[in-house]
Amino acid sequence: MISRTSTAERVAGVLRTRIAEGFFLPGVRLSEQDIGSALGVSRNTLREAFRLLTHERLLAHELNRGVFVRVLSAEDVVDLYKVRKVVECSAVRRVTEKPPTFAKLARMVEDGKLAERRERWQDLGTANIRFHSAIAELGGSERIDELMRGIFAELRLVFHMMADPRRFYEPYLKRNVEILERIEAGDGAGAEALLARYLDDAENQLVEAYAERADQRV
């Protein structure tokens, strides 16, 4: 039982990462057979992984239909951004000098620039998520890092709501560069101010996108 649980947690980690990187779209049904075969795990282990991710709000179980990637609501967006503002702003606020993990932050920005040049907008979204995950890691807490892995996976499901990924992601790359510059200079207060506006704008843009989708369904 212990072995199966440990394996299920590893499988959940793989699936969580795939969700965060945009491989599974909201509303998609997950095939036990296909995923179990691909990962080489038993059906019971996979179901335990599904249960873990359902608890994290990434998946939803529908009776007699199976397990689906969750479709988030506008209320979920607001709640997710509440967490982001607390965690990320707190993390950069503490910066008083160039952090030891600066190279990782810079690499995520460079990955974003490369994706932009290649016009690979989903890759740009992945680089963006990884950059902000690295910002959260400035807090120096394994528990916060674990929390934020789930938060960023949920956010990827939200980002799929944007009809034009280039229009959504591209402007934020430039703002990531500005935040990175403040972090490099050890200006935590300046980085926090930029980040707070960034998160407010992103939240408002996403909530508006949800409202437009709702209007279209009426």
N, C-alpha and C. Protein backbone atom coordinates (compact mmCIF):
# COMPACT_ATOMS: atom_id res chain seq x y z
N MET A 1 0.83 -1.20 0.00
CA MET A 1 0.00 0.00 0.00
C MET A 1 0.87 1.25 0.00
N ILE A 2 1.94 1.20 0.83
CA ILE A 2 2.85 2.35 0.88
C ILE A 2 3.51 2.55 -0.47
N SER A 3 3.94 1.45 -1.08
CA SER A 3 4.60 1.52 -2.38
C SER A 3 3.65 2.08 -3.43
N ARG A 4 2.39 1.61 -3.41
CA ARG A 4 1.43 2.07 -4.40
C ARG A 4 1.15 3.56 -4.24
N THR A 5 1.02 3.99 -2.96
CA THR A 5 0.76 5.40 -2.70
C THR A 5 1.91 6.27 -3.18
N SER A 6 3.14 5.83 -2.92
CA SER A 6 4.31 6.57 -3.36
C SER A 6 4.35 6.68 -4.88
N THR A 7 4.05 5.59 -5.56
CA THR A 7 4.01 5.61 -7.02
C THR A 7 2.91 6.52 -7.52
N ALA A 8 1.76 6.49 -6.86
CA ALA A 8 0.64 7.34 -7.25
C ALA A 8 1.01 8.81 -7.14
N GLU A 9 1.77 9.16 -6.12
CA GLU A 9 2.20 10.55 -5.95
C GLU A 9 3.14 10.96 -7.08
N ARG A 10 4.01 10.05 -7.49
CA ARG A 10 4.91 10.35 -8.61
C ARG A 10 4.13 10.50 -9.91
N VAL A 11 3.15 9.62 -10.10
CA VAL A 11 2.30 9.72 -11.31
C VAL A 11 1.53 11.03 -11.29
N ALA A 12 0.99 11.40 -10.13
CA ALA A 12 0.27 12.67 -10.01
C ALA A 12 1.19 13.84 -10.36
N GLY A 13 2.46 13.73 -9.95
CA GLY A 13 3.42 14.79 -10.27
C GLY A 13 3.64 14.92 -11.76
N VAL A 14 3.73 13.77 -12.45
CA VAL A 14 3.90 13.79 -13.91
C VAL A 14 2.69 14.44 -14.57
N LEU A 15 1.50 14.03 -14.16
CA LEU A 15 0.28 14.57 -14.77
C LEU A 15 0.11 16.05 -14.44
N ARG A 16 0.48 16.43 -13.23
CA ARG A 16 0.39 17.85 -12.84
C ARG A 16 1.28 18.70 -13.73
N THR A 17 2.48 18.20 -13.99
CA THR A 17 3.41 18.92 -14.85
C THR A 17 2.86 19.02 -16.27
N ARG A 18 2.27 17.94 -16.76
CA ARG A 18 1.71 17.95 -18.11
C ARG A 18 0.56 18.95 -18.22
N ILE A 19 -0.22 19.04 -17.17
CA ILE A 19 -1.30 20.03 -17.16
C ILE A 19 -0.71 21.43 -17.17
N ALA A 20 0.29 21.67 -16.32
CA ALA A 20 0.91 22.99 -16.22
C ALA A 20 1.58 23.41 -17.52
N GLU A 21 2.03 22.43 -18.32
CA GLU A 21 2.70 22.74 -19.59
C GLU A 21 1.72 22.77 -20.76
N GLY A 22 0.43 22.60 -20.47
CA GLY A 22 -0.58 22.78 -21.50
C GLY A 22 -0.89 21.59 -22.37
N PHE A 23 -0.49 20.38 -21.95
CA PHE A 23 -0.73 19.20 -22.78
C PHE A 23 -2.15 18.66 -22.65
N PHE A 24 -2.78 18.92 -21.51
CA PHE A 24 -4.15 18.47 -21.30
C PHE A 24 -5.06 19.69 -21.23
N LEU A 25 -6.05 19.75 -22.08
CA LEU A 25 -6.94 20.91 -22.16
C LEU A 25 -8.12 20.75 -21.21
N PRO A 26 -8.70 21.85 -20.74
CA PRO A 26 -9.88 21.77 -19.88
C PRO A 26 -11.01 21.02 -20.57
N GLY A 27 -11.67 20.14 -19.81
CA GLY A 27 -12.80 19.40 -20.34
C GLY A 27 -12.45 18.09 -21.01
N VAL A 28 -11.15 17.83 -21.20
CA VAL A 28 -10.71 16.59 -21.86
C VAL A 28 -10.85 15.41 -20.91
N ARG A 29 -11.38 14.30 -21.42
CA ARG A 29 -11.49 13.07 -20.64
C ARG A 29 -10.15 12.35 -20.66
N LEU A 30 -9.68 11.91 -19.50
CA LEU A 30 -8.41 11.21 -19.40
C LEU A 30 -8.66 9.71 -19.46
N SER A 31 -7.99 9.05 -20.37
CA SER A 31 -8.15 7.61 -20.57
C SER A 31 -7.25 6.84 -19.60
N GLU A 32 -7.86 6.04 -18.75
CA GLU A 32 -7.08 5.22 -17.83
C GLU A 32 -6.16 4.27 -18.60
N GLN A 33 -6.68 3.68 -19.63
CA GLN A 33 -5.90 2.70 -20.39
C GLN A 33 -4.69 3.35 -21.06
N ASP A 34 -4.92 4.47 -21.74
CA ASP A 34 -3.82 5.12 -22.46
C ASP A 34 -2.74 5.64 -21.52
N ILE A 35 -3.17 6.33 -20.46
CA ILE A 35 -2.20 6.92 -19.53
C ILE A 35 -1.50 5.84 -18.73
N GLY A 36 -2.27 4.84 -18.29
CA GLY A 36 -1.67 3.74 -17.54
C GLY A 36 -0.62 3.01 -18.35
N SER A 37 -0.90 2.76 -19.63
CA SER A 37 0.06 2.08 -20.51
C SER A 37 1.29 2.95 -20.75
N ALA A 38 1.06 4.24 -20.96
CA ALA A 38 2.18 5.15 -21.25
C ALA A 38 3.12 5.26 -20.05
N LEU A 39 2.57 5.24 -18.84
CA LEU A 39 3.39 5.41 -17.65
C LEU A 39 3.78 4.08 -17.01
N GLY A 40 3.20 3.00 -17.50
CA GLY A 40 3.55 1.68 -16.98
C GLY A 40 3.11 1.46 -15.55
N VAL A 41 1.89 1.91 -15.21
CA VAL A 41 1.37 1.75 -13.85
C VAL A 41 0.03 1.04 -13.90
N SER A 42 -0.36 0.46 -12.78
CA SER A 42 -1.61 -0.26 -12.69
C SER A 42 -2.80 0.69 -12.66
N ARG A 43 -3.97 0.14 -12.92
CA ARG A 43 -5.18 0.95 -12.89
C ARG A 43 -5.44 1.51 -11.49
N ASN A 44 -5.18 0.70 -10.46
CA ASN A 44 -5.40 1.17 -9.08
C ASN A 44 -4.48 2.33 -8.74
N THR A 45 -3.22 2.23 -9.15
CA THR A 45 -2.27 3.31 -8.90
C THR A 45 -2.70 4.58 -9.63
N LEU A 46 -3.11 4.43 -10.88
CA LEU A 46 -3.53 5.59 -11.66
C LEU A 46 -4.77 6.23 -11.04
N ARG A 47 -5.70 5.42 -10.58
CA ARG A 47 -6.90 5.98 -9.95
C ARG A 47 -6.56 6.74 -8.68
N GLU A 48 -5.56 6.26 -7.94
CA GLU A 48 -5.12 6.99 -6.76
C GLU A 48 -4.50 8.33 -7.16
N ALA A 49 -3.74 8.36 -8.25
CA ALA A 49 -3.18 9.62 -8.75
C ALA A 49 -4.29 10.56 -9.17
N PHE A 50 -5.29 10.03 -9.85
CA PHE A 50 -6.44 10.85 -10.24
C PHE A 50 -7.11 11.44 -9.00
N ARG A 51 -7.24 10.62 -7.96
CA ARG A 51 -7.89 11.10 -6.74
C ARG A 51 -7.10 12.27 -6.13
N LEU A 52 -5.78 12.14 -6.12
CA LEU A 52 -4.94 13.21 -5.59
C LEU A 52 -5.13 14.51 -6.37
N LEU A 53 -5.17 14.40 -7.70
CA LEU A 53 -5.31 15.59 -8.54
C LEU A 53 -6.73 16.15 -8.50
N THR A 54 -7.69 15.31 -8.23
CA THR A 54 -9.06 15.81 -8.02
C THR A 54 -9.12 16.64 -6.75
N HIS A 55 -8.42 16.18 -5.72
CA HIS A 55 -8.34 16.93 -4.47
C HIS A 55 -7.66 18.29 -4.69
N GLU A 56 -6.73 18.33 -5.65
CA GLU A 56 -6.04 19.59 -5.96
C GLU A 56 -6.83 20.47 -6.93
N ARG A 57 -8.01 20.05 -7.29
CA ARG A 57 -8.91 20.81 -8.18
C ARG A 57 -8.44 20.84 -9.63
N LEU A 58 -7.58 19.91 -10.00
CA LEU A 58 -7.12 19.86 -11.39
C LEU A 58 -7.98 18.93 -12.24
N LEU A 59 -8.55 17.92 -11.61
CA LEU A 59 -9.39 16.96 -12.31
C LEU A 59 -10.77 16.92 -11.66
N ALA A 60 -11.73 16.39 -12.40
CA ALA A 60 -13.09 16.23 -11.88
C ALA A 60 -13.60 14.86 -12.29
N HIS A 61 -14.20 14.15 -11.33
CA HIS A 61 -14.77 12.83 -11.62
C HIS A 61 -16.26 12.97 -11.86
N GLU A 62 -16.72 12.45 -12.99
CA GLU A 62 -18.14 12.48 -13.32
C GLU A 62 -18.68 11.05 -13.30
N LEU A 63 -19.71 10.82 -12.53
CA LEU A 63 -20.26 9.49 -12.34
C LEU A 63 -20.64 8.87 -13.68
N ASN A 64 -20.17 7.64 -13.88
CA ASN A 64 -20.45 6.85 -15.08
C ASN A 64 -19.86 7.44 -16.37
N ARG A 65 -19.05 8.48 -16.25
CA ARG A 65 -18.44 9.08 -17.43
C ARG A 65 -16.92 9.04 -17.38
N GLY A 66 -16.34 9.12 -16.20
CA GLY A 66 -14.89 9.06 -16.09
C GLY A 66 -14.30 10.30 -15.45
N VAL A 67 -13.01 10.49 -15.70
CA VAL A 67 -12.25 11.59 -15.10
C VAL A 67 -11.90 12.60 -16.19
N PHE A 68 -12.15 13.87 -15.89
CA PHE A 68 -11.94 14.93 -16.86
C PHE A 68 -11.03 16.01 -16.28
N VAL A 69 -10.29 16.67 -17.16
CA VAL A 69 -9.55 17.86 -16.75
C VAL A 69 -10.56 18.94 -16.41
N ARG A 70 -10.38 19.55 -15.28
CA ARG A 70 -11.39 20.47 -14.75
C ARG A 70 -11.47 21.75 -15.58
N VAL A 71 -12.69 22.27 -15.71
CA VAL A 71 -12.94 23.56 -16.34
C VAL A 71 -13.15 24.57 -15.22
N LEU A 72 -12.28 25.55 -15.13
CA LEU A 72 -12.35 26.50 -14.03
C LEU A 72 -13.33 27.63 -14.32
N SER A 73 -13.73 28.33 -13.27
CA SER A 73 -14.69 29.42 -13.37
C SER A 73 -14.00 30.76 -13.13
N ALA A 74 -14.72 31.84 -13.37
CA ALA A 74 -14.18 33.18 -13.08
C ALA A 74 -13.89 33.34 -11.60
N GLU A 75 -14.71 32.71 -10.75
CA GLU A 75 -14.48 32.75 -9.31
C GLU A 75 -13.16 32.07 -8.95
N ASP A 76 -12.84 30.99 -9.67
CA ASP A 76 -11.56 30.33 -9.46
C ASP A 76 -10.41 31.26 -9.81
N VAL A 77 -10.57 32.02 -10.89
CA VAL A 77 -9.52 32.96 -11.31
C VAL A 77 -9.22 33.96 -10.19
N VAL A 78 -10.26 34.54 -9.64
CA VAL A 78 -10.09 35.54 -8.57
C VAL A 78 -9.38 34.92 -7.37
N ASP A 79 -9.78 33.71 -7.02
CA ASP A 79 -9.18 33.04 -5.86
C ASP A 79 -7.71 32.70 -6.12
N LEU A 80 -7.41 32.22 -7.31
CA LEU A 80 -6.03 31.89 -7.65
C LEU A 80 -5.14 33.13 -7.59
N TYR A 81 -5.64 34.25 -8.07
CA TYR A 81 -4.83 35.47 -8.05
C TYR A 81 -4.67 36.04 -6.65
N LYS A 82 -5.61 35.77 -5.77
CA LYS A 82 -5.41 36.15 -4.37
C LYS A 82 -4.18 35.46 -3.80
N VAL A 83 -4.08 34.16 -4.10
CA VAL A 83 -2.92 33.39 -3.63
C VAL A 83 -1.64 33.91 -4.27
N ARG A 84 -1.68 34.14 -5.58
CA ARG A 84 -0.48 34.61 -6.27
C ARG A 84 0.02 35.93 -5.69
N LYS A 85 -0.91 36.84 -5.44
CA LYS A 85 -0.51 38.15 -4.92
C LYS A 85 0.15 38.04 -3.56
N VAL A 86 -0.39 37.20 -2.70
CA VAL A 86 0.19 37.01 -1.38
C VAL A 86 1.58 36.38 -1.49
N VAL A 87 1.69 35.30 -2.24
CA VAL A 87 2.94 34.53 -2.28
C VAL A 87 4.02 35.23 -3.09
N GLU A 88 3.71 35.60 -4.33
CA GLU A 88 4.75 36.16 -5.20
C GLU A 88 5.20 37.54 -4.74
N CYS A 89 4.25 38.37 -4.35
CA CYS A 89 4.63 39.72 -3.90
C CYS A 89 5.45 39.66 -2.62
N SER A 90 5.08 38.75 -1.73
CA SER A 90 5.86 38.58 -0.50
C SER A 90 7.27 38.11 -0.81
N ALA A 91 7.39 37.21 -1.80
CA ALA A 91 8.71 36.66 -2.15
C ALA A 91 9.65 37.74 -2.67
N VAL A 92 9.16 38.58 -3.59
CA VAL A 92 10.06 39.60 -4.15
C VAL A 92 10.29 40.76 -3.18
N ARG A 93 9.35 40.98 -2.27
CA ARG A 93 9.49 42.07 -1.31
C ARG A 93 10.74 41.88 -0.45
N ARG A 94 11.11 40.62 -0.23
CA ARG A 94 12.24 40.31 0.64
C ARG A 94 13.59 40.49 -0.05
N VAL A 95 13.59 40.71 -1.35
CA VAL A 95 14.84 40.81 -2.11
C VAL A 95 15.56 42.12 -1.78
N THR A 96 16.79 42.03 -1.34
CA THR A 96 17.61 43.21 -1.06
C THR A 96 18.93 43.19 -1.82
N GLU A 97 19.18 42.06 -2.49
CA GLU A 97 20.37 41.93 -3.32
C GLU A 97 20.08 40.89 -4.38
N LYS A 98 20.94 40.81 -5.37
CA LYS A 98 20.75 39.82 -6.43
C LYS A 98 20.70 38.43 -5.81
N PRO A 99 19.59 37.71 -5.98
CA PRO A 99 19.44 36.41 -5.31
C PRO A 99 20.31 35.32 -5.93
N PRO A 100 20.64 34.29 -5.15
CA PRO A 100 21.46 33.18 -5.68
C PRO A 100 20.80 32.46 -6.85
N THR A 101 19.47 32.49 -6.90
CA THR A 101 18.74 31.79 -7.97
C THR A 101 18.45 32.70 -9.16
N PHE A 102 19.17 33.83 -9.24
CA PHE A 102 18.89 34.77 -10.33
C PHE A 102 19.07 34.14 -11.70
N ALA A 103 20.07 33.28 -11.85
CA ALA A 103 20.33 32.66 -13.15
C ALA A 103 19.12 31.85 -13.63
N LYS A 104 18.43 31.21 -12.70
CA LYS A 104 17.24 30.44 -13.07
C LYS A 104 16.14 31.37 -13.55
N LEU A 105 15.93 32.47 -12.86
CA LEU A 105 14.94 33.45 -13.28
C LEU A 105 15.27 33.99 -14.67
N ALA A 106 16.53 34.34 -14.88
CA ALA A 106 16.96 34.89 -16.16
C ALA A 106 16.78 33.87 -17.28
N ARG A 107 17.04 32.60 -16.97
CA ARG A 107 16.90 31.55 -17.99
C ARG A 107 15.44 31.41 -18.43
N MET A 108 14.52 31.54 -17.49
CA MET A 108 13.10 31.44 -17.84
C MET A 108 12.67 32.59 -18.75
N VAL A 109 13.22 33.77 -18.50
CA VAL A 109 12.92 34.92 -19.37
C VAL A 109 13.51 34.69 -20.76
N GLU A 110 14.72 34.17 -20.81
CA GLU A 110 15.34 33.89 -22.11
C GLU A 110 14.55 32.82 -22.87
N ASP A 111 14.05 31.82 -22.15
CA ASP A 111 13.20 30.80 -22.79
C ASP A 111 11.96 31.45 -23.39
N GLY A 112 11.42 32.43 -22.68
CA GLY A 112 10.26 33.14 -23.20
C GLY A 112 10.59 33.93 -24.45
N LYS A 113 11.74 34.57 -24.46
CA LYS A 113 12.15 35.34 -25.65
C LYS A 113 12.35 34.42 -26.85
N LEU A 114 12.93 33.24 -26.60
CA LEU A 114 13.13 32.28 -27.68
C LEU A 114 11.79 31.81 -28.24
N ALA A 115 10.85 31.51 -27.35
CA ALA A 115 9.52 31.08 -27.79
C ALA A 115 8.84 32.18 -28.59
N GLU A 116 9.04 33.44 -28.19
CA GLU A 116 8.45 34.56 -28.92
C GLU A 116 9.04 34.65 -30.32
N ARG A 117 10.36 34.52 -30.43
CA ARG A 117 11.00 34.60 -31.76
C ARG A 117 10.51 33.48 -32.66
N ARG A 118 10.26 32.32 -32.09
CA ARG A 118 9.79 31.18 -32.88
C ARG A 118 8.26 31.16 -33.05
N GLU A 119 7.61 32.15 -32.41
CA GLU A 119 6.16 32.25 -32.44
C GLU A 119 5.48 30.98 -31.92
N ARG A 120 6.04 30.46 -30.85
CA ARG A 120 5.49 29.28 -30.18
C ARG A 120 4.83 29.77 -28.89
N TRP A 121 3.57 30.13 -29.00
CA TRP A 121 2.91 30.88 -27.93
C TRP A 121 2.61 30.03 -26.71
N GLN A 122 2.31 28.75 -26.89
CA GLN A 122 2.11 27.89 -25.73
C GLN A 122 3.43 27.69 -24.97
N ASP A 123 4.54 27.64 -25.71
CA ASP A 123 5.86 27.55 -25.06
C ASP A 123 6.15 28.83 -24.29
N LEU A 124 5.71 29.95 -24.84
CA LEU A 124 5.87 31.22 -24.13
C LEU A 124 5.08 31.19 -22.83
N GLY A 125 3.88 30.61 -22.89
CA GLY A 125 3.08 30.48 -21.68
C GLY A 125 3.76 29.60 -20.64
N THR A 126 4.39 28.52 -21.10
CA THR A 126 5.11 27.64 -20.18
C THR A 126 6.29 28.37 -19.55
N ALA A 127 7.04 29.12 -20.35
CA ALA A 127 8.17 29.88 -19.82
C ALA A 127 7.70 30.91 -18.80
N ASN A 128 6.55 31.51 -19.07
CA ASN A 128 5.99 32.50 -18.16
C ASN A 128 5.65 31.86 -16.81
N ILE A 129 5.00 30.70 -16.86
CA ILE A 129 4.65 30.00 -15.63
C ILE A 129 5.91 29.63 -14.85
N ARG A 130 6.92 29.15 -15.55
CA ARG A 130 8.16 28.76 -14.87
C ARG A 130 8.87 29.95 -14.26
N PHE A 131 8.81 31.11 -14.92
CA PHE A 131 9.41 32.32 -14.36
C PHE A 131 8.73 32.68 -13.04
N HIS A 132 7.41 32.66 -13.04
CA HIS A 132 6.70 33.05 -11.82
C HIS A 132 6.79 31.98 -10.74
N SER A 133 6.97 30.74 -11.14
CA SER A 133 7.24 29.69 -10.16
C SER A 133 8.58 29.95 -9.49
N ALA A 134 9.57 30.38 -10.28
CA ALA A 134 10.89 30.71 -9.72
C ALA A 134 10.82 31.92 -8.81
N ILE A 135 9.92 32.86 -9.11
CA ILE A 135 9.71 34.00 -8.21
C ILE A 135 9.18 33.50 -6.87
N ALA A 136 8.19 32.62 -6.90
CA ALA A 136 7.63 32.08 -5.66
C ALA A 136 8.70 31.36 -4.84
N GLU A 137 9.65 30.71 -5.53
CA GLU A 137 10.71 29.99 -4.84
C GLU A 137 11.66 30.91 -4.08
N LEU A 138 11.63 32.21 -4.39
CA LEU A 138 12.45 33.16 -3.64
C LEU A 138 12.04 33.20 -2.17
N GLY A 139 10.81 32.73 -1.88
CA GLY A 139 10.35 32.70 -0.50
C GLY A 139 11.09 31.69 0.36
N GLY A 140 11.75 30.72 -0.29
CA GLY A 140 12.57 29.77 0.45
C GLY A 140 11.79 28.78 1.29
N SER A 141 10.60 28.39 0.82
CA SER A 141 9.78 27.45 1.58
C SER A 141 9.34 26.29 0.69
N GLU A 142 9.68 25.06 1.08
CA GLU A 142 9.26 23.89 0.31
C GLU A 142 7.74 23.76 0.31
N ARG A 143 7.09 24.13 1.40
CA ARG A 143 5.64 24.04 1.47
C ARG A 143 4.97 25.02 0.50
N ILE A 144 5.54 26.22 0.40
CA ILE A 144 5.01 27.19 -0.55
C ILE A 144 5.25 26.71 -1.98
N ASP A 145 6.41 26.14 -2.23
CA ASP A 145 6.71 25.62 -3.57
C ASP A 145 5.70 24.55 -3.97
N GLU A 146 5.38 23.67 -3.03
CA GLU A 146 4.42 22.60 -3.30
C GLU A 146 3.04 23.20 -3.57
N LEU A 147 2.63 24.16 -2.77
CA LEU A 147 1.34 24.84 -2.99
C LEU A 147 1.30 25.46 -4.38
N MET A 148 2.37 26.14 -4.76
CA MET A 148 2.36 26.89 -6.01
C MET A 148 2.42 25.99 -7.23
N ARG A 149 2.96 24.79 -7.10
CA ARG A 149 2.92 23.87 -8.23
C ARG A 149 1.48 23.58 -8.63
N GLY A 150 0.63 23.40 -7.65
CA GLY A 150 -0.79 23.19 -7.95
C GLY A 150 -1.45 24.44 -8.48
N ILE A 151 -1.10 25.59 -7.90
CA ILE A 151 -1.68 26.86 -8.35
C ILE A 151 -1.35 27.13 -9.81
N PHE A 152 -0.10 26.93 -10.19
CA PHE A 152 0.30 27.20 -11.57
C PHE A 152 -0.29 26.20 -12.55
N ALA A 153 -0.49 24.96 -12.10
CA ALA A 153 -1.17 23.99 -12.97
C ALA A 153 -2.62 24.42 -13.21
N GLU A 154 -3.29 24.88 -12.16
CA GLU A 154 -4.65 25.39 -12.33
C GLU A 154 -4.67 26.60 -13.27
N LEU A 155 -3.67 27.47 -13.12
CA LEU A 155 -3.62 28.67 -13.96
C LEU A 155 -3.51 28.33 -15.43
N ARG A 156 -2.78 27.26 -15.74
CA ARG A 156 -2.64 26.90 -17.15
C ARG A 156 -4.01 26.56 -17.73
N LEU A 157 -4.86 25.94 -16.93
CA LEU A 157 -6.22 25.63 -17.38
C LEU A 157 -7.00 26.92 -17.62
N VAL A 158 -6.74 27.93 -16.79
CA VAL A 158 -7.38 29.23 -16.97
C VAL A 158 -6.90 29.89 -18.25
N PHE A 159 -5.58 29.83 -18.49
CA PHE A 159 -5.00 30.51 -19.65
C PHE A 159 -5.56 29.98 -20.97
N HIS A 160 -6.02 28.73 -20.98
CA HIS A 160 -6.59 28.18 -22.20
C HIS A 160 -7.88 28.91 -22.62
N MET A 161 -8.42 29.71 -21.71
CA MET A 161 -9.62 30.47 -22.05
C MET A 161 -9.33 31.60 -23.02
N MET A 162 -8.07 32.00 -23.14
CA MET A 162 -7.72 33.12 -24.00
C MET A 162 -7.71 32.67 -25.46
N ALA A 163 -8.55 33.29 -26.25
CA ALA A 163 -8.71 32.88 -27.65
C ALA A 163 -7.44 33.14 -28.47
N ASP A 164 -6.69 34.19 -28.10
CA ASP A 164 -5.48 34.54 -28.84
C ASP A 164 -4.29 34.49 -27.88
N PRO A 165 -3.60 33.34 -27.80
CA PRO A 165 -2.51 33.23 -26.83
C PRO A 165 -1.38 34.24 -27.05
N ARG A 166 -1.10 34.59 -28.30
CA ARG A 166 -0.04 35.57 -28.54
C ARG A 166 -0.41 36.92 -27.92
N ARG A 167 -1.61 37.35 -28.17
CA ARG A 167 -2.06 38.64 -27.63
C ARG A 167 -2.04 38.65 -26.11
N PHE A 168 -2.28 37.49 -25.52
CA PHE A 168 -2.29 37.43 -24.06
C PHE A 168 -0.87 37.36 -23.49
N TYR A 169 -0.04 36.45 -24.00
CA TYR A 169 1.26 36.20 -23.39
C TYR A 169 2.32 37.26 -23.72
N GLU A 170 2.33 37.74 -24.96
CA GLU A 170 3.45 38.56 -25.43
C GLU A 170 3.69 39.81 -24.58
N PRO A 171 2.65 40.60 -24.25
CA PRO A 171 2.91 41.80 -23.45
C PRO A 171 3.50 41.51 -22.07
N TYR A 172 3.14 40.36 -21.50
CA TYR A 172 3.64 40.04 -20.17
C TYR A 172 5.10 39.62 -20.18
N LEU A 173 5.62 39.19 -21.30
CA LEU A 173 7.04 38.88 -21.40
C LEU A 173 7.87 40.13 -21.13
N LYS A 174 7.47 41.24 -21.71
CA LYS A 174 8.19 42.50 -21.51
C LYS A 174 8.14 42.91 -20.03
N ARG A 175 7.02 42.64 -19.40
CA ARG A 175 6.89 42.99 -17.99
C ARG A 175 7.72 42.06 -17.10
N ASN A 176 7.86 40.81 -17.52
CA ASN A 176 8.76 39.91 -16.80
C ASN A 176 10.20 40.41 -16.84
N VAL A 177 10.59 40.95 -18.00
CA VAL A 177 11.94 41.51 -18.13
C VAL A 177 12.13 42.65 -17.14
N GLU A 178 11.14 43.51 -17.01
CA GLU A 178 11.23 44.65 -16.09
C GLU A 178 11.32 44.18 -14.64
N ILE A 179 10.53 43.17 -14.30
CA ILE A 179 10.59 42.63 -12.93
C ILE A 179 11.96 42.00 -12.68
N LEU A 180 12.47 41.27 -13.67
CA LEU A 180 13.79 40.65 -13.54
C LEU A 180 14.86 41.69 -13.29
N GLU A 181 14.80 42.81 -13.97
CA GLU A 181 15.79 43.87 -13.80
C GLU A 181 15.78 44.42 -12.37
N ARG A 182 14.58 44.57 -11.79
CA ARG A 182 14.46 45.05 -10.41
C ARG A 182 15.02 44.03 -9.43
N ILE A 183 14.77 42.75 -9.71
CA ILE A 183 15.30 41.70 -8.84
C ILE A 183 16.82 41.67 -8.91
N GLU A 184 17.37 41.80 -10.12
CA GLU A 184 18.83 41.81 -10.29
C GLU A 184 19.46 42.95 -9.50
N ALA A 185 18.77 44.08 -9.46
CA ALA A 185 19.29 45.26 -8.75
C ALA A 185 19.08 45.17 -7.24
N GLY A 186 18.41 44.11 -6.78
CA GLY A 186 18.13 44.00 -5.35
C GLY A 186 17.04 44.93 -4.88
N ASP A 187 16.23 45.42 -5.82
CA ASP A 187 15.16 46.36 -5.51
C ASP A 187 13.85 45.59 -5.31
N GLY A 188 13.69 45.00 -4.13
CA GLY A 188 12.50 44.22 -3.86
C GLY A 188 11.23 45.04 -3.90
N ALA A 189 11.28 46.25 -3.38
CA ALA A 189 10.09 47.09 -3.37
C ALA A 189 9.67 47.45 -4.79
N GLY A 190 10.64 47.76 -5.64
CA GLY A 190 10.33 48.08 -7.03
C GLY A 190 9.78 46.89 -7.78
N ALA A 191 10.36 45.72 -7.53
CA ALA A 191 9.86 44.50 -8.17
C ALA A 191 8.45 44.19 -7.71
N GLU A 192 8.18 44.39 -6.43
CA GLU A 192 6.84 44.12 -5.91
C GLU A 192 5.79 45.04 -6.54
N ALA A 193 6.14 46.31 -6.70
CA ALA A 193 5.20 47.26 -7.30
C ALA A 193 4.86 46.85 -8.73
N LEU A 194 5.88 46.48 -9.50
CA LEU A 194 5.64 46.04 -10.88
C LEU A 194 4.82 44.76 -10.91
N LEU A 195 5.15 43.83 -10.03
CA LEU A 195 4.47 42.54 -10.00
C LEU A 195 3.02 42.68 -9.58
N ALA A 196 2.74 43.55 -8.62
CA ALA A 196 1.37 43.74 -8.16
C ALA A 196 0.49 44.26 -9.29
N ARG A 197 1.00 45.23 -10.06
CA ARG A 197 0.23 45.75 -11.20
C ARG A 197 0.06 44.67 -12.26
N TYR A 198 1.11 43.92 -12.49
CA TYR A 198 1.08 42.81 -13.45
C TYR A 198 -0.05 41.84 -13.11
N LEU A 199 -0.08 41.42 -11.85
CA LEU A 199 -1.08 40.43 -11.44
C LEU A 199 -2.49 40.99 -11.49
N ASP A 200 -2.66 42.26 -11.11
CA ASP A 200 -3.98 42.89 -11.21
C ASP A 200 -4.46 42.91 -12.66
N ASP A 201 -3.57 43.31 -13.56
CA ASP A 201 -3.95 43.40 -14.98
C ASP A 201 -4.28 42.03 -15.55
N ALA A 202 -3.47 41.02 -15.22
CA ALA A 202 -3.71 39.67 -15.74
C ALA A 202 -5.04 39.13 -15.21
N GLU A 203 -5.30 39.34 -13.93
CA GLU A 203 -6.57 38.87 -13.35
C GLU A 203 -7.76 39.53 -14.05
N ASN A 204 -7.70 40.84 -14.22
CA ASN A 204 -8.81 41.56 -14.87
C ASN A 204 -9.01 41.08 -16.30
N GLN A 205 -7.92 40.85 -17.01
CA GLN A 205 -8.01 40.40 -18.40
C GLN A 205 -8.67 39.02 -18.48
N LEU A 206 -8.31 38.15 -17.56
CA LEU A 206 -8.88 36.80 -17.57
C LEU A 206 -10.35 36.79 -17.16
N VAL A 207 -10.69 37.58 -16.17
CA VAL A 207 -12.09 37.66 -15.74
C VAL A 207 -12.96 38.21 -16.88
N GLU A 208 -12.43 39.20 -17.61
CA GLU A 208 -13.17 39.73 -18.75
C GLU A 208 -13.35 38.67 -19.83
N ALA A 209 -12.32 37.84 -20.04
CA ALA A 209 -12.42 36.77 -21.04
C ALA A 209 -13.51 35.78 -20.65
N TYR A 210 -13.61 35.47 -19.37
CA TYR A 210 -14.67 34.58 -18.92
C TYR A 210 -16.05 35.20 -19.14
N ALA A 211 -16.15 36.49 -18.87
CA ALA A 211 -17.43 37.18 -19.07
C ALA A 211 -17.83 37.19 -20.52
N GLU A 212 -16.85 37.38 -21.42
CA GLU A 212 -17.16 37.36 -22.85
C GLU A 212 -17.63 35.98 -23.31
N ARG A 213 -17.00 34.93 -22.78
CA ARG A 213 -17.42 33.58 -23.10
C ARG A 213 -18.85 33.33 -22.63
N ALA A 214 -19.16 33.84 -21.44
CA ALA A 214 -20.51 33.65 -20.91
C ALA A 214 -21.53 34.38 -21.77
N ASP A 215 -21.19 35.57 -22.23
CA ASP A 215 -22.11 36.34 -23.10
C ASP A 215 -22.35 35.62 -24.41
N GLN A 216 -21.31 34.97 -24.94
CA GLN A 216 -21.44 34.27 -26.21
C GLN A 216 -22.35 33.05 -26.12
N ARG A 217 -22.43 32.48 -24.90
CA ARG A 217 -23.27 31.31 -24.72
C ARG A 217 -24.75 31.65 -24.51
N VAL A 218 -25.01 32.92 -24.21
CA VAL A 218 -26.40 33.35 -23.99
C VAL A 218 -27.16 33.44 -25.29
